[in-house]
Amino acid sequence: MLEVRNLVKHFPVRKGWLQRVKGAVHAVDGISFSLKNHETLGIVGESGCGKSTAGRTILRLIEPTSGEVFFRGRDIFRMEHRELKALRREMQIIFQDPYGSLNPRLTVSRILEEPLLTHKMGTRAERRRAVEEVLERVGLLPEHMHRFPHEFSGGQRQRIMIARALILKPRLIIGDEPVSALDVSVQAQILNLLGRLQREAGFSLVIISHDLGVIRYICHRVAVMYLGKIVELAPADALYREPLHPYTQALLSAVPVPDPRRRRQRIVLAGDVPSPLHPPSGCRFHPRCPRRLDVCPREEPPMRDMGDGRRVACHLHGEGRLWEPSWSGAA
């Protein structure tokens, strides 16, 4: 369905009266992954690691610096405007802020009809039926068509966002923090809704989130990002059972355990995330890594295949090096 090869997005930093380029923010710096039909991939990491930028660049909402993205065998970055516009019917995004992404001056009916009008699909009666059907699929009522976004709760607005993404019947949906602004109970409703709709419609899904609980609940595979790089990619069950990268171990150690009798050994990382304007040499995680080696500041670790669909970029898993995992899910 989707193949991303060495995707790079740098934002130039300009200074002075002449606005000359003095550097670049390395938001996304050479990530690669693939997505199968009907699969859900989670992209996780701290705020500022580049996961939202990656999602928008994949859809070409932001122009890339370099790299390739193939959607069903077609190179998105080489498409002309007209060809790309036609392809957008098959690729949609659910933005992070459901209120800021909905036009407050339009009714729900007009918001949902807008993609159909843009692509010149159906008559007025057919578009109205499509709006009614998609509202029903996301758990809203037909009378909601005539209301404005401010008249809905956060969970209902998120359902409208999902409906807008679904109305064109896409093959790929990217959810950028689709439940981060919602209460826990509403999060579960929206995640269950996404899972049900994916089974019914058969689309592929990329979920971008900082919440590892959300990712574990809905995703088949997980990619862990740190400072513009993917440091680990693995099936969700394997990653949560035995994470290989020290950064993944630290992230999972911070996830609350819903059992007062169990205590997880917390891994506290020293220092702050380095600036993406001047990323560290070698392994980007080495300034904060509790298990760094002498080689870490000098050489960037390659992404190594560990078998069973697992890949990790860490010198602890280098060739000829025996490594014993330090991860302990419970103390």
C-alpha atoms as a PDB file:
ATOM      1  CA  MET A   1       0.000   0.000   0.000  1.00  0.00           C
ATOM      2  CA  LEU A   2       2.629   2.539   1.103  1.00  0.00           C
ATOM      3  CA  GLU A   3       6.414   2.534   0.923  1.00  0.00           C
ATOM      4  CA  VAL A   4       8.565   5.321   2.355  1.00  0.00           C
ATOM      5  CA  ARG A   5      12.246   5.427   1.364  1.00  0.00           C
ATOM      6  CA  ASN A   6      14.792   7.728   3.030  1.00  0.00           C
ATOM      7  CA  LEU A   7      12.282  10.527   3.603  1.00  0.00           C
ATOM      8  CA  VAL A   8      13.939  13.817   4.575  1.00  0.00           C
ATOM      9  CA  LYS A   9      12.360  17.124   5.546  1.00  0.00           C
ATOM     10  CA  HIS A  10      14.559  20.028   6.652  1.00  0.00           C
ATOM     11  CA  PHE A  11      13.149  23.463   7.427  1.00  0.00           C
ATOM     12  CA  PRO A  12      15.568  26.280   6.567  1.00  0.00           C
ATOM     13  CA  VAL A  13      16.396  28.805   9.300  1.00  0.00           C
ATOM     14  CA  ARG A  14      16.782  32.338   7.964  1.00  0.00           C
ATOM     15  CA  LYS A  15      18.337  35.265   9.799  1.00  0.00           C
ATOM     16  CA  GLY A  16      19.214  38.863   9.146  1.00  0.00           C
ATOM     17  CA  TRP A  17      17.727  41.570   7.009  1.00  0.00           C
ATOM     18  CA  LEU A  18      18.428  39.602   3.813  1.00  0.00           C
ATOM     19  CA  GLN A  19      16.897  36.443   5.296  1.00  0.00           C
ATOM     20  CA  ARG A  20      19.872  34.308   4.389  1.00  0.00           C
ATOM     21  CA  VAL A  21      19.765  30.613   5.260  1.00  0.00           C
ATOM     22  CA  LYS A  22      21.928  30.024   8.355  1.00  0.00           C
ATOM     23  CA  GLY A  23      20.981  26.418   9.053  1.00  0.00           C
ATOM     24  CA  ALA A  24      18.184  23.890   8.935  1.00  0.00           C
ATOM     25  CA  VAL A  25      15.894  22.151  11.392  1.00  0.00           C
ATOM     26  CA  HIS A  26      16.275  18.403  10.819  1.00  0.00           C
ATOM     27  CA  ALA A  27      12.625  17.527  11.424  1.00  0.00           C
ATOM     28  CA  VAL A  28      12.677  14.239   9.492  1.00  0.00           C
ATOM     29  CA  ASP A  29      16.075  12.843   8.583  1.00  0.00           C
ATOM     30  CA  GLY A  30      15.974   9.714   6.455  1.00  0.00           C
ATOM     31  CA  ILE A  31      13.146   7.448   7.618  1.00  0.00           C
ATOM     32  CA  SER A  32      12.008   4.319   5.771  1.00  0.00           C
ATOM     33  CA  PHE A  33       9.105   1.942   6.337  1.00  0.00           C
ATOM     34  CA  SER A  34       6.301   0.183   4.499  1.00  0.00           C
ATOM     35  CA  LEU A  35       2.596  -0.320   5.139  1.00  0.00           C
ATOM     36  CA  LYS A  36       0.544  -3.301   3.978  1.00  0.00           C
ATOM     37  CA  ASN A  37      -3.086  -3.435   2.936  1.00  0.00           C
ATOM     38  CA  HIS A  38      -5.510  -3.290   5.889  1.00  0.00           C
ATOM     39  CA  GLU A  39      -2.575  -2.793   8.287  1.00  0.00           C
ATOM     40  CA  THR A  40      -2.311  -0.276  11.134  1.00  0.00           C
ATOM     41  CA  LEU A  41       1.121   1.231  11.809  1.00  0.00           C
ATOM     42  CA  GLY A  42       1.828   3.359  14.861  1.00  0.00           C
ATOM     43  CA  ILE A  43       4.485   6.102  14.918  1.00  0.00           C
ATOM     44  CA  VAL A  44       5.465   7.114  18.457  1.00  0.00           C
ATOM     45  CA  GLY A  45       7.977   9.425  20.087  1.00  0.00           C
ATOM     46  CA  GLU A  46       8.391  12.524  22.221  1.00  0.00           C
ATOM     47  CA  SER A  47       7.020  15.885  21.153  1.00  0.00           C
ATOM     48  CA  GLY A  48       9.260  17.413  18.494  1.00  0.00           C
ATOM     49  CA  CYS A  49      10.651  14.116  17.188  1.00  0.00           C
ATOM     50  CA  GLY A  50       9.189  14.758  13.715  1.00  0.00           C
ATOM     51  CA  LYS A  51       6.331  12.273  13.596  1.00  0.00           C
ATOM     52  CA  SER A  52       3.629  14.807  12.620  1.00  0.00           C
ATOM     53  CA  THR A  53       5.936  16.336  10.004  1.00  0.00           C
ATOM     54  CA  ALA A  54       6.539  12.854   8.606  1.00  0.00           C
ATOM     55  CA  GLY A  55       2.807  12.219   8.283  1.00  0.00           C
ATOM     56  CA  ARG A  56       2.139  15.493   6.477  1.00  0.00           C
ATOM     57  CA  THR A  57       5.153  15.089   4.200  1.00  0.00           C
ATOM     58  CA  ILE A  58       4.059  11.583   3.203  1.00  0.00           C
ATOM     59  CA  LEU A  59       0.760  13.055   1.989  1.00  0.00           C
ATOM     60  CA  ARG A  60       2.681  15.939   0.392  1.00  0.00           C
ATOM     61  CA  LEU A  61       0.872  18.534   2.461  1.00  0.00           C
ATOM     62  CA  ILE A  62       4.455  19.643   3.085  1.00  0.00           C
ATOM     63  CA  GLU A  63       6.960  19.403   0.250  1.00  0.00           C
ATOM     64  CA  PRO A  64       9.860  17.027   1.071  1.00  0.00           C
ATOM     65  CA  THR A  65      13.546  17.871   1.013  1.00  0.00           C
ATOM     66  CA  SER A  66      14.390  14.478  -0.488  1.00  0.00           C
ATOM     67  CA  GLY A  67      13.337  10.849  -0.473  1.00  0.00           C
ATOM     68  CA  GLU A  68      10.610   8.791  -2.115  1.00  0.00           C
ATOM     69  CA  VAL A  69       7.071   7.810  -1.161  1.00  0.00           C
ATOM     70  CA  PHE A  70       5.241   5.201  -3.222  1.00  0.00           C
ATOM     71  CA  PHE A  71       1.486   4.789  -2.834  1.00  0.00           C
ATOM     72  CA  ARG A  72       0.292   1.605  -4.538  1.00  0.00           C
ATOM     73  CA  GLY A  73       3.414   1.710  -6.694  1.00  0.00           C
ATOM     74  CA  ARG A  74       3.113   5.357  -7.742  1.00  0.00           C
ATOM     75  CA  ASP A  75       5.725   7.935  -6.710  1.00  0.00           C
ATOM     76  CA  ILE A  76       3.795  10.730  -4.984  1.00  0.00           C
ATOM     77  CA  PHE A  77       6.662  13.226  -5.124  1.00  0.00           C
ATOM     78  CA  ARG A  78       6.931  13.079  -8.919  1.00  0.00           C
ATOM     79  CA  MET A  79       3.240  13.732  -9.591  1.00  0.00           C
ATOM     80  CA  GLU A  80       1.940  16.887 -11.210  1.00  0.00           C
ATOM     81  CA  HIS A  81      -0.763  18.906  -9.444  1.00  0.00           C
ATOM     82  CA  ARG A  82      -3.693  17.451 -11.404  1.00  0.00           C
ATOM     83  CA  GLU A  83      -2.567  13.858 -10.902  1.00  0.00           C
ATOM     84  CA  LEU A  84      -1.928  14.473  -7.197  1.00  0.00           C
ATOM     85  CA  LYS A  85      -5.365  16.030  -6.731  1.00  0.00           C
ATOM     86  CA  ALA A  86      -7.011  12.926  -8.170  1.00  0.00           C
ATOM     87  CA  LEU A  87      -4.894  10.713  -5.911  1.00  0.00           C
ATOM     88  CA  ARG A  88      -5.962  12.624  -2.789  1.00  0.00           C
ATOM     89  CA  ARG A  89      -9.311  10.842  -2.990  1.00  0.00           C
ATOM     90  CA  GLU A  90      -7.434   7.736  -1.841  1.00  0.00           C
ATOM     91  CA  MET A  91      -5.365   9.411   0.911  1.00  0.00           C
ATOM     92  CA  GLN A  92      -6.853  11.331   3.813  1.00  0.00           C
ATOM     93  CA  ILE A  93      -5.719  12.705   7.176  1.00  0.00           C
ATOM     94  CA  ILE A  94      -7.350  13.177  10.581  1.00  0.00           C
ATOM     95  CA  PHE A  95      -5.777  16.272  12.122  1.00  0.00           C
ATOM     96  CA  GLN A  96      -4.819  16.617  15.770  1.00  0.00           C
ATOM     97  CA  ASP A  97      -7.153  19.450  16.790  1.00  0.00           C
ATOM     98  CA  PRO A  98     -10.747  18.609  15.826  1.00  0.00           C
ATOM     99  CA  TYR A  99     -12.038  22.123  16.527  1.00  0.00           C
ATOM    100  CA  GLY A 100      -9.259  24.037  14.796  1.00  0.00           C
ATOM    101  CA  SER A 101      -9.579  21.780  11.733  1.00  0.00           C
ATOM    102  CA  LEU A 102     -13.297  22.402  11.232  1.00  0.00           C
ATOM    103  CA  ASN A 103     -14.512  25.645   9.660  1.00  0.00           C
ATOM    104  CA  PRO A 104     -16.669  27.287  12.378  1.00  0.00           C
ATOM    105  CA  ARG A 105     -18.727  29.126   9.737  1.00  0.00           C
ATOM    106  CA  LEU A 106     -19.918  25.963   7.990  1.00  0.00           C
ATOM    107  CA  THR A 107     -22.485  23.415   9.069  1.00  0.00           C
ATOM    108  CA  VAL A 108     -21.534  19.746   9.392  1.00  0.00           C
ATOM    109  CA  SER A 109     -23.389  19.009   6.163  1.00  0.00           C
ATOM    110  CA  ARG A 110     -21.332  21.576   4.250  1.00  0.00           C
ATOM    111  CA  ILE A 111     -18.075  20.413   5.860  1.00  0.00           C
ATOM    112  CA  LEU A 112     -18.664  16.817   4.852  1.00  0.00           C
ATOM    113  CA  GLU A 113     -19.934  17.720   1.398  1.00  0.00           C
ATOM    114  CA  GLU A 114     -16.889  19.841   0.580  1.00  0.00           C
ATOM    115  CA  PRO A 115     -14.576  16.912  -0.419  1.00  0.00           C
ATOM    116  CA  LEU A 116     -17.286  15.601  -2.754  1.00  0.00           C
ATOM    117  CA  LEU A 117     -17.682  19.052  -4.336  1.00  0.00           C
ATOM    118  CA  THR A 118     -13.918  19.412  -4.725  1.00  0.00           C
ATOM    119  CA  HIS A 119     -13.711  16.165  -6.652  1.00  0.00           C
ATOM    120  CA  LYS A 120     -17.013  16.777  -8.489  1.00  0.00           C
ATOM    121  CA  MET A 121     -18.618  13.584  -7.236  1.00  0.00           C
ATOM    122  CA  GLY A 122     -22.371  12.885  -7.422  1.00  0.00           C
ATOM    123  CA  THR A 123     -25.484  14.987  -7.711  1.00  0.00           C
ATOM    124  CA  ARG A 124     -26.794  17.141  -4.872  1.00  0.00           C
ATOM    125  CA  ALA A 125     -29.145  14.339  -3.743  1.00  0.00           C
ATOM    126  CA  GLU A 126     -26.363  11.746  -3.911  1.00  0.00           C
ATOM    127  CA  ARG A 127     -24.036  13.948  -1.886  1.00  0.00           C
ATOM    128  CA  ARG A 128     -26.710  14.419   0.776  1.00  0.00           C
ATOM    129  CA  ARG A 129     -27.224  10.662   1.019  1.00  0.00           C
ATOM    130  CA  ALA A 130     -23.463  10.163   1.303  1.00  0.00           C
ATOM    131  CA  VAL A 131     -23.307  12.680   4.176  1.00  0.00           C
ATOM    132  CA  GLU A 132     -26.185  10.958   5.997  1.00  0.00           C
ATOM    133  CA  GLU A 133     -24.588   7.536   5.549  1.00  0.00           C
ATOM    134  CA  VAL A 134     -21.155   8.561   6.803  1.00  0.00           C
ATOM    135  CA  LEU A 135     -22.667  10.332   9.834  1.00  0.00           C
ATOM    136  CA  GLU A 136     -24.497   7.143  10.696  1.00  0.00           C
ATOM    137  CA  ARG A 137     -21.301   5.108  10.344  1.00  0.00           C
ATOM    138  CA  VAL A 138     -19.468   7.288  12.870  1.00  0.00           C
ATOM    139  CA  GLY A 139     -22.340   7.233  15.361  1.00  0.00           C
ATOM    140  CA  LEU A 140     -23.967  10.628  14.728  1.00  0.00           C
ATOM    141  CA  LEU A 141     -27.580  11.413  13.848  1.00  0.00           C
ATOM    142  CA  PRO A 142     -28.973  12.933  10.608  1.00  0.00           C
ATOM    143  CA  GLU A 143     -30.164  16.040  12.487  1.00  0.00           C
ATOM    144  CA  HIS A 144     -26.541  16.800  13.339  1.00  0.00           C
ATOM    145  CA  MET A 145     -26.057  17.826   9.702  1.00  0.00           C
ATOM    146  CA  HIS A 146     -27.463  21.286  10.305  1.00  0.00           C
ATOM    147  CA  ARG A 147     -25.379  22.144  13.374  1.00  0.00           C
ATOM    148  CA  PHE A 148     -22.089  24.035  13.587  1.00  0.00           C
ATOM    149  CA  PRO A 149     -18.836  22.648  15.103  1.00  0.00           C
ATOM    150  CA  HIS A 150     -19.116  24.680  18.314  1.00  0.00           C
ATOM    151  CA  GLU A 151     -22.367  22.876  19.136  1.00  0.00           C
ATOM    152  CA  PHE A 152     -20.603  19.523  19.579  1.00  0.00           C
ATOM    153  CA  SER A 153     -18.457  17.959  22.280  1.00  0.00           C
ATOM    154  CA  GLY A 154     -14.815  17.069  21.663  1.00  0.00           C
ATOM    155  CA  GLY A 155     -15.627  13.441  20.965  1.00  0.00           C
ATOM    156  CA  GLN A 156     -18.384  14.365  18.534  1.00  0.00           C
ATOM    157  CA  ARG A 157     -16.080  16.793  16.698  1.00  0.00           C
ATOM    158  CA  GLN A 158     -13.532  14.030  16.346  1.00  0.00           C
ATOM    159  CA  ARG A 159     -16.234  11.792  14.852  1.00  0.00           C
ATOM    160  CA  ILE A 160     -16.958  14.551  12.330  1.00  0.00           C
ATOM    161  CA  MET A 161     -13.252  14.630  11.447  1.00  0.00           C
ATOM    162  CA  ILE A 162     -13.292  10.879  10.907  1.00  0.00           C
ATOM    163  CA  ALA A 163     -16.452  11.192   8.793  1.00  0.00           C
ATOM    164  CA  ARG A 164     -14.771  13.833   6.625  1.00  0.00           C
ATOM    165  CA  ALA A 165     -11.808  11.505   6.080  1.00  0.00           C
ATOM    166  CA  LEU A 166     -14.078   8.548   5.247  1.00  0.00           C
ATOM    167  CA  ILE A 167     -16.545  10.183   2.883  1.00  0.00           C
ATOM    168  CA  LEU A 168     -14.253   9.779  -0.145  1.00  0.00           C
ATOM    169  CA  LYS A 169     -13.707   6.083   0.709  1.00  0.00           C
ATOM    170  CA  PRO A 170      -9.899   6.347   0.858  1.00  0.00           C
ATOM    171  CA  ARG A 171      -7.402   3.486   0.828  1.00  0.00           C
ATOM    172  CA  LEU A 172      -5.066   5.200   3.328  1.00  0.00           C
ATOM    173  CA  ILE A 173      -5.810   7.345   6.393  1.00  0.00           C
ATOM    174  CA  ILE A 174      -3.188   9.044   8.558  1.00  0.00           C
ATOM    175  CA  GLY A 175      -4.374   9.963  12.052  1.00  0.00           C
ATOM    176  CA  ASP A 176      -2.249  12.709  13.627  1.00  0.00           C
ATOM    177  CA  GLU A 177      -2.853  12.371  17.384  1.00  0.00           C
ATOM    178  CA  PRO A 178      -6.532  11.604  16.700  1.00  0.00           C
ATOM    179  CA  VAL A 179      -7.482  11.120  20.373  1.00  0.00           C
ATOM    180  CA  SER A 180      -4.888  13.157  22.307  1.00  0.00           C
ATOM    181  CA  ALA A 181      -7.328  15.989  23.167  1.00  0.00           C
ATOM    182  CA  LEU A 182     -10.073  13.660  24.409  1.00  0.00           C
ATOM    183  CA  ASP A 183     -10.966  12.132  27.771  1.00  0.00           C
ATOM    184  CA  VAL A 184      -9.902   8.524  28.344  1.00  0.00           C
ATOM    185  CA  SER A 185     -13.452   7.159  28.025  1.00  0.00           C
ATOM    186  CA  VAL A 186     -13.988   9.075  24.770  1.00  0.00           C
ATOM    187  CA  GLN A 187     -10.579   7.915  23.503  1.00  0.00           C
ATOM    188  CA  ALA A 188     -11.707   4.308  23.828  1.00  0.00           C
ATOM    189  CA  GLN A 189     -14.886   5.055  21.874  1.00  0.00           C
ATOM    190  CA  ILE A 190     -12.977   6.720  19.032  1.00  0.00           C
ATOM    191  CA  LEU A 191     -10.359   3.942  18.873  1.00  0.00           C
ATOM    192  CA  ASN A 192     -13.056   1.282  18.779  1.00  0.00           C
ATOM    193  CA  LEU A 193     -14.784   3.279  16.045  1.00  0.00           C
ATOM    194  CA  LEU A 194     -11.587   3.462  13.961  1.00  0.00           C
ATOM    195  CA  GLY A 195     -11.005  -0.251  14.389  1.00  0.00           C
ATOM    196  CA  ARG A 196     -14.559  -1.117  13.345  1.00  0.00           C
ATOM    197  CA  LEU A 197     -14.491   1.216  10.337  1.00  0.00           C
ATOM    198  CA  GLN A 198     -11.160  -0.202   9.214  1.00  0.00           C
ATOM    199  CA  ARG A 199     -12.555  -3.745   9.305  1.00  0.00           C
ATOM    200  CA  GLU A 200     -15.636  -2.647   7.349  1.00  0.00           C
ATOM    201  CA  ALA A 201     -13.946  -0.456   4.737  1.00  0.00           C
ATOM    202  CA  GLY A 202     -10.567  -2.207   4.545  1.00  0.00           C
ATOM    203  CA  PHE A 203      -8.353   0.899   4.502  1.00  0.00           C
ATOM    204  CA  SER A 204      -4.790   1.073   5.827  1.00  0.00           C
ATOM    205  CA  LEU A 205      -4.131   3.289   8.833  1.00  0.00           C
ATOM    206  CA  VAL A 206      -1.142   5.196  10.212  1.00  0.00           C
ATOM    207  CA  ILE A 207      -1.617   6.428  13.793  1.00  0.00           C
ATOM    208  CA  ILE A 208       0.747   9.143  15.053  1.00  0.00           C
ATOM    209  CA  SER A 209       0.758   9.444  18.830  1.00  0.00           C
ATOM    210  CA  HIS A 210       2.879   9.985  21.909  1.00  0.00           C
ATOM    211  CA  ASP A 211       0.564   7.694  23.914  1.00  0.00           C
ATOM    212  CA  LEU A 212       1.972   4.170  23.913  1.00  0.00           C
ATOM    213  CA  GLY A 213      -1.252   2.822  25.403  1.00  0.00           C
ATOM    214  CA  VAL A 214      -3.217   4.041  22.384  1.00  0.00           C
ATOM    215  CA  ILE A 215      -0.657   2.579  19.988  1.00  0.00           C
ATOM    216  CA  ARG A 216      -0.687  -0.827  21.659  1.00  0.00           C
ATOM    217  CA  TYR A 217      -4.470  -0.979  21.571  1.00  0.00           C
ATOM    218  CA  ILE A 218      -4.967  -0.432  17.849  1.00  0.00           C
ATOM    219  CA  CYS A 219      -1.699  -1.009  15.937  1.00  0.00           C
ATOM    220  CA  HIS A 220      -0.209  -4.099  14.297  1.00  0.00           C
ATOM    221  CA  ARG A 221       3.312  -2.635  14.072  1.00  0.00           C
ATOM    222  CA  VAL A 222       5.073   0.260  15.795  1.00  0.00           C
ATOM    223  CA  ALA A 223       7.823   2.629  14.599  1.00  0.00           C
ATOM    224  CA  VAL A 224       9.646   4.546  17.353  1.00  0.00           C
ATOM    225  CA  MET A 225      11.058   7.936  16.334  1.00  0.00           C
ATOM    226  CA  TYR A 226      13.709  10.013  18.057  1.00  0.00           C
ATOM    227  CA  LEU A 227      14.966  13.357  16.740  1.00  0.00           C
ATOM    228  CA  GLY A 228      13.915  12.732  13.143  1.00  0.00           C
ATOM    229  CA  LYS A 229      15.058   9.104  12.959  1.00  0.00           C
ATOM    230  CA  ILE A 230      13.274   5.763  13.340  1.00  0.00           C
ATOM    231  CA  VAL A 231      15.259   3.890  15.993  1.00  0.00           C
ATOM    232  CA  GLU A 232      13.095   0.760  16.241  1.00  0.00           C
ATOM    233  CA  LEU A 233      10.413  -0.887  14.111  1.00  0.00           C
ATOM    234  CA  ALA A 234       8.665  -4.040  15.278  1.00  0.00           C
ATOM    235  CA  PRO A 235       5.338  -5.861  15.632  1.00  0.00           C
ATOM    236  CA  ALA A 236       3.418  -4.296  18.507  1.00  0.00           C
ATOM    237  CA  ASP A 237       3.327  -7.404  20.707  1.00  0.00           C
ATOM    238  CA  ALA A 238       7.065  -8.026  20.341  1.00  0.00           C
ATOM    239  CA  LEU A 239       7.974  -4.397  20.959  1.00  0.00           C
ATOM    240  CA  TYR A 240       5.937  -4.158  24.164  1.00  0.00           C
ATOM    241  CA  ARG A 241       7.143  -7.551  25.387  1.00  0.00           C
ATOM    242  CA  GLU A 242      10.863  -6.984  24.760  1.00  0.00           C
ATOM    243  CA  PRO A 243      11.927  -3.567  23.400  1.00  0.00           C
ATOM    244  CA  LEU A 244      15.443  -3.600  21.969  1.00  0.00           C
ATOM    245  CA  HIS A 245      16.428   0.073  21.814  1.00  0.00           C
ATOM    246  CA  PRO A 246      17.251   1.887  25.093  1.00  0.00           C
ATOM    247  CA  TYR A 247      14.987   4.774  24.090  1.00  0.00           C
ATOM    248  CA  THR A 248      12.037   2.427  23.545  1.00  0.00           C
ATOM    249  CA  GLN A 249      12.751   0.849  26.930  1.00  0.00           C
ATOM    250  CA  ALA A 250      12.678   4.276  28.581  1.00  0.00           C
ATOM    251  CA  LEU A 251       9.385   5.176  26.886  1.00  0.00           C
ATOM    252  CA  LEU A 252       7.707   1.941  27.943  1.00  0.00           C
ATOM    253  CA  SER A 253       8.978   2.232  31.514  1.00  0.00           C
ATOM    254  CA  ALA A 254       6.930   5.448  31.858  1.00  0.00           C
ATOM    255  CA  VAL A 255       3.626   3.817  30.839  1.00  0.00           C
ATOM    256  CA  PRO A 256       1.364   3.420  33.912  1.00  0.00           C
ATOM    257  CA  VAL A 257       0.454  -0.162  34.840  1.00  0.00           C
ATOM    258  CA  PRO A 258      -3.248  -0.581  35.753  1.00  0.00           C
ATOM    259  CA  ASP A 259      -2.424  -2.868  38.684  1.00  0.00           C
ATOM    260  CA  PRO A 260      -1.451  -1.455  42.125  1.00  0.00           C
ATOM    261  CA  ARG A 261       0.377  -4.685  42.985  1.00  0.00           C
ATOM    262  CA  ARG A 262       2.819  -4.307  40.099  1.00  0.00           C
ATOM    263  CA  ARG A 263       5.612  -1.760  39.980  1.00  0.00           C
ATOM    264  CA  ARG A 264       7.510  -1.031  36.812  1.00  0.00           C
ATOM    265  CA  GLN A 265      11.195  -0.136  36.974  1.00  0.00           C
ATOM    266  CA  ARG A 266      11.310   3.436  35.714  1.00  0.00           C
ATOM    267  CA  ILE A 267      14.185   4.456  33.420  1.00  0.00           C
ATOM    268  CA  VAL A 268      14.873   8.163  33.841  1.00  0.00           C
ATOM    269  CA  LEU A 269      16.806   9.733  30.971  1.00  0.00           C
ATOM    270  CA  ALA A 270      19.367  12.413  31.760  1.00  0.00           C
ATOM    271  CA  GLY A 271      19.262  15.799  30.054  1.00  0.00           C
ATOM    272  CA  ASP A 272      16.895  17.193  27.442  1.00  0.00           C
ATOM    273  CA  VAL A 273      16.204  16.268  23.842  1.00  0.00           C
ATOM    274  CA  PRO A 274      18.967  17.862  21.693  1.00  0.00           C
ATOM    275  CA  SER A 275      18.026  20.605  19.273  1.00  0.00           C
ATOM    276  CA  PRO A 276      17.032  19.382  15.794  1.00  0.00           C
ATOM    277  CA  LEU A 277      18.873  22.444  14.503  1.00  0.00           C
ATOM    278  CA  HIS A 278      22.180  20.879  15.619  1.00  0.00           C
ATOM    279  CA  PRO A 279      21.598  17.140  16.076  1.00  0.00           C
ATOM    280  CA  PRO A 280      24.378  15.151  17.782  1.00  0.00           C
ATOM    281  CA  SER A 281      26.925  13.239  15.760  1.00  0.00           C
ATOM    282  CA  GLY A 282      26.808   9.464  15.603  1.00  0.00           C
ATOM    283  CA  CYS A 283      23.787   7.996  17.327  1.00  0.00           C
ATOM    284  CA  ARG A 284      21.402  10.845  18.098  1.00  0.00           C
ATOM    285  CA  PHE A 285      20.341   9.236  21.352  1.00  0.00           C
ATOM    286  CA  HIS A 286      23.856   8.846  22.765  1.00  0.00           C
ATOM    287  CA  PRO A 287      23.882  12.064  24.942  1.00  0.00           C
ATOM    288  CA  ARG A 288      20.971  10.638  26.985  1.00  0.00           C
ATOM    289  CA  CYS A 289      21.576   6.899  26.625  1.00  0.00           C
ATOM    290  CA  PRO A 290      22.364   5.083  29.912  1.00  0.00           C
ATOM    291  CA  ARG A 291      24.140   2.283  27.993  1.00  0.00           C
ATOM    292  CA  ARG A 292      26.131   4.178  25.375  1.00  0.00           C
ATOM    293  CA  LEU A 293      29.340   2.724  23.996  1.00  0.00           C
ATOM    294  CA  ASP A 294      32.528   4.441  22.844  1.00  0.00           C
ATOM    295  CA  VAL A 295      31.455   4.066  19.226  1.00  0.00           C
ATOM    296  CA  CYS A 296      28.066   5.784  19.721  1.00  0.00           C
ATOM    297  CA  PRO A 297      29.242   9.444  19.412  1.00  0.00           C
ATOM    298  CA  ARG A 298      31.367   8.617  16.358  1.00  0.00           C
ATOM    299  CA  GLU A 299      29.232   6.412  14.114  1.00  0.00           C
ATOM    300  CA  GLU A 300      25.557   6.442  13.271  1.00  0.00           C
ATOM    301  CA  PRO A 301      24.117   2.954  13.811  1.00  0.00           C
ATOM    302  CA  PRO A 302      22.536   1.319  10.752  1.00  0.00           C
ATOM    303  CA  MET A 303      19.040  -0.137  10.898  1.00  0.00           C
ATOM    304  CA  ARG A 304      19.664  -3.841  11.512  1.00  0.00           C
ATOM    305  CA  ASP A 305      17.248  -6.680  10.785  1.00  0.00           C
ATOM    306  CA  MET A 306      16.779  -8.709  13.982  1.00  0.00           C
ATOM    307  CA  GLY A 307      14.381 -11.249  12.479  1.00  0.00           C
ATOM    308  CA  ASP A 308      10.636 -11.761  12.947  1.00  0.00           C
ATOM    309  CA  GLY A 309       9.927  -8.347  11.423  1.00  0.00           C
ATOM    310  CA  ARG A 310      12.042  -6.479  13.989  1.00  0.00           C
ATOM    311  CA  ARG A 311      14.548  -3.776  13.061  1.00  0.00           C
ATOM    312  CA  VAL A 312      16.613  -1.604  15.368  1.00  0.00           C
ATOM    313  CA  ALA A 313      19.258   1.111  14.955  1.00  0.00           C
ATOM    314  CA  CYS A 314      21.577   0.632  17.946  1.00  0.00           C
ATOM    315  CA  HIS A 315      25.256  -0.249  18.373  1.00  0.00           C
ATOM    316  CA  LEU A 316      24.311  -2.566  21.241  1.00  0.00           C
ATOM    317  CA  HIS A 317      23.059  -4.902  18.518  1.00  0.00           C
ATOM    318  CA  GLY A 318      26.120  -4.589  16.328  1.00  0.00           C
ATOM    319  CA  GLU A 319      27.632  -7.496  14.440  1.00  0.00           C
ATOM    320  CA  GLY A 320      29.598  -9.862  16.674  1.00  0.00           C
ATOM    321  CA  ARG A 321      28.420  -8.155  19.870  1.00  0.00           C
ATOM    322  CA  LEU A 322      26.597 -10.203  22.467  1.00  0.00           C
ATOM    323  CA  TRP A 323      23.895  -8.202  24.190  1.00  0.00           C
ATOM    324  CA  GLU A 324      21.675  -9.046  27.111  1.00  0.00           C
ATOM    325  CA  PRO A 325      18.469  -6.992  27.411  1.00  0.00           C
ATOM    326  CA  SER A 326      18.200  -4.703  30.416  1.00  0.00           C
ATOM    327  CA  TRP A 327      14.435  -4.314  30.010  1.00  0.00           C
ATOM    328  CA  SER A 328      12.339  -5.365  32.942  1.00  0.00           C
ATOM    329  CA  GLY A 329       8.621  -4.816  32.682  1.00  0.00           C
ATOM    330  CA  ALA A 330       8.096  -5.099  36.423  1.00  0.00           C
ATOM    331  CA  ALA A 331      10.380  -4.620  39.385  1.00  0.00           C
END
